[in-house]
Amino acid sequence: MQRKNFSCSFLVSFALITKFLQPILLEDVEYTPPIVENKLEEGYRVTVRDEEWKLIVNPDREDELYNIRRDPMEQENLIGQELDVERELRKLAEMKEEERLRAGIEKLRRLKI
């Protein structure tokens, strides 16, 4: 009896279904770029990414901006060269930082009660 790898076939099926259903599921839904926050020893690093750009706000060194369509290996840091893109992505990063600070304040309030 031949044994099939069900997990692999499930993942392939899921990927195909997701690809074809995505336009239907996202109809009339505004796209929001993913924002990832990493806690480091030096502070928080925030990464904001959309279909074309990736901004990394570093706590301990120069921030980074990459055009991930043209430079998928992230070799050319464009920080300071694409000011409009940088400004828009930075707004989203700042919103994430404000959200983290509000959560911290709320946590402190709960501890005092």
Protein backbone atom coordinates (compact mmCIF):
# COMPACT_ATOMS: atom_id res chain seq x y z
CA MET A 1 0.00 0.00 0.00
CA GLN A 2 1.45 3.33 -1.04
CA ARG A 3 1.42 5.98 1.67
CA LYS A 4 0.54 9.53 0.60
CA ASN A 5 1.93 12.65 2.14
CA PHE A 6 -1.36 14.28 3.14
CA SER A 7 0.18 17.32 4.83
CA CYS A 8 2.05 18.31 1.67
CA SER A 9 -0.98 17.85 -0.58
CA PHE A 10 -3.14 19.77 1.90
CA LEU A 11 -0.72 22.71 1.87
CA VAL A 12 -0.62 22.76 -1.92
CA SER A 13 -4.43 22.61 -2.10
CA PHE A 14 -4.77 25.32 0.52
CA ALA A 15 -2.30 27.57 -1.32
CA LEU A 16 -4.16 27.16 -4.62
CA ILE A 17 -7.57 27.75 -3.06
CA THR A 18 -6.29 30.81 -1.22
CA LYS A 19 -4.78 32.22 -4.40
CA PHE A 20 -8.03 31.91 -6.33
CA LEU A 21 -10.33 33.02 -3.51
CA GLN A 22 -8.26 35.99 -2.39
CA PRO A 23 -9.77 38.49 -4.89
CA ILE A 24 -13.27 37.41 -3.87
CA LEU A 25 -12.53 37.54 -0.15
CA LEU A 26 -10.81 40.92 -0.37
CA GLU A 27 -13.42 42.60 -2.57
CA ASP A 28 -14.28 46.06 -1.24
CA VAL A 29 -11.73 45.67 1.54
CA GLU A 30 -8.98 48.25 1.87
CA TYR A 31 -5.48 46.74 1.91
CA THR A 32 -3.50 47.37 5.09
CA PRO A 33 0.24 46.73 4.93
CA PRO A 34 1.58 44.26 7.47
CA ILE A 35 3.34 45.82 10.44
CA VAL A 36 5.68 43.65 12.50
CA GLU A 37 7.26 44.68 15.77
CA ASN A 38 10.25 42.88 17.29
CA LYS A 39 11.51 43.47 20.82
CA LEU A 40 15.28 43.62 20.85
CA GLU A 41 17.72 44.24 23.66
CA GLU A 42 18.21 47.79 22.31
CA GLY A 43 14.48 48.54 21.97
CA TYR A 44 11.78 47.83 19.41
CA ARG A 45 12.31 47.33 15.68
CA VAL A 46 9.24 48.01 13.55
CA THR A 47 8.89 46.72 9.99
CA VAL A 48 6.20 48.00 7.63
CA ARG A 49 5.75 46.34 4.26
CA ASP A 50 3.45 46.73 1.28
CA GLU A 51 3.51 45.16 -2.18
CA GLU A 52 6.50 47.24 -3.31
CA TRP A 53 8.28 48.73 -0.29
CA LYS A 54 9.67 47.66 3.08
CA LEU A 55 10.63 50.10 5.84
CA ILE A 56 12.58 48.92 8.88
CA VAL A 57 12.75 51.35 11.80
CA ASN A 58 15.77 50.29 13.86
CA PRO A 59 16.36 51.32 17.49
CA ASP A 60 20.15 51.17 17.30
CA ARG A 61 21.22 52.02 13.75
CA GLU A 62 20.10 53.75 10.55
CA ASP A 63 16.61 52.91 9.37
CA GLU A 64 16.24 50.92 6.14
CA LEU A 65 13.98 51.30 3.10
CA TYR A 66 13.95 48.79 0.25
CA ASN A 67 12.04 48.48 -3.00
CA ILE A 68 11.37 44.77 -2.61
CA ARG A 69 10.09 44.41 -6.17
CA ARG A 70 13.32 45.68 -7.73
CA ASP A 71 15.60 44.58 -4.90
CA PRO A 72 14.16 41.39 -3.31
CA MET A 73 17.49 40.61 -1.61
CA GLU A 74 17.39 44.03 0.14
CA GLN A 75 20.86 45.10 -0.94
CA GLU A 76 20.24 48.82 -1.68
CA ASN A 77 19.05 50.89 1.29
CA LEU A 78 16.99 53.77 -0.15
CA ILE A 79 16.40 55.62 3.12
CA GLY A 80 16.41 59.36 2.44
CA GLN A 81 16.02 58.87 -1.32
CA GLU A 82 12.29 58.04 -1.58
CA LEU A 83 10.90 60.59 0.85
CA ASP A 84 7.20 60.26 -0.03
CA VAL A 85 7.26 56.48 0.37
CA GLU A 86 9.29 56.75 3.56
CA ARG A 87 6.88 59.31 5.02
CA GLU A 88 3.79 57.15 4.36
CA LEU A 89 5.31 53.95 5.75
CA ARG A 90 6.75 55.82 8.74
CA LYS A 91 3.23 57.04 9.63
CA LEU A 92 2.13 53.41 9.91
CA ALA A 93 5.20 52.54 12.01
CA GLU A 94 4.42 55.43 14.36
CA MET A 95 0.83 54.23 14.71
CA LYS A 96 2.16 50.82 15.79
CA GLU A 97 4.44 52.46 18.36
CA GLU A 98 1.55 54.53 19.74
CA GLU A 99 -0.54 51.36 19.99
CA ARG A 100 2.24 49.63 21.96
CA LEU A 101 2.57 52.62 24.31
CA ARG A 102 -1.19 52.74 24.93
CA ALA A 103 -1.18 49.02 25.72
CA GLY A 104 1.69 49.55 28.16
CA ILE A 105 -0.12 52.40 29.91
CA GLU A 106 -3.28 50.29 30.18
CA LYS A 107 -1.27 47.42 31.65
CA LEU A 108 0.22 49.76 34.28
CA ARG A 109 -3.25 51.05 35.17
CA ARG A 110 -4.50 47.50 35.72
CA LEU A 111 -1.52 46.66 37.94
CA LYS A 112 -2.22 49.65 40.23
CA ILE A 113 -5.80 48.54 40.91
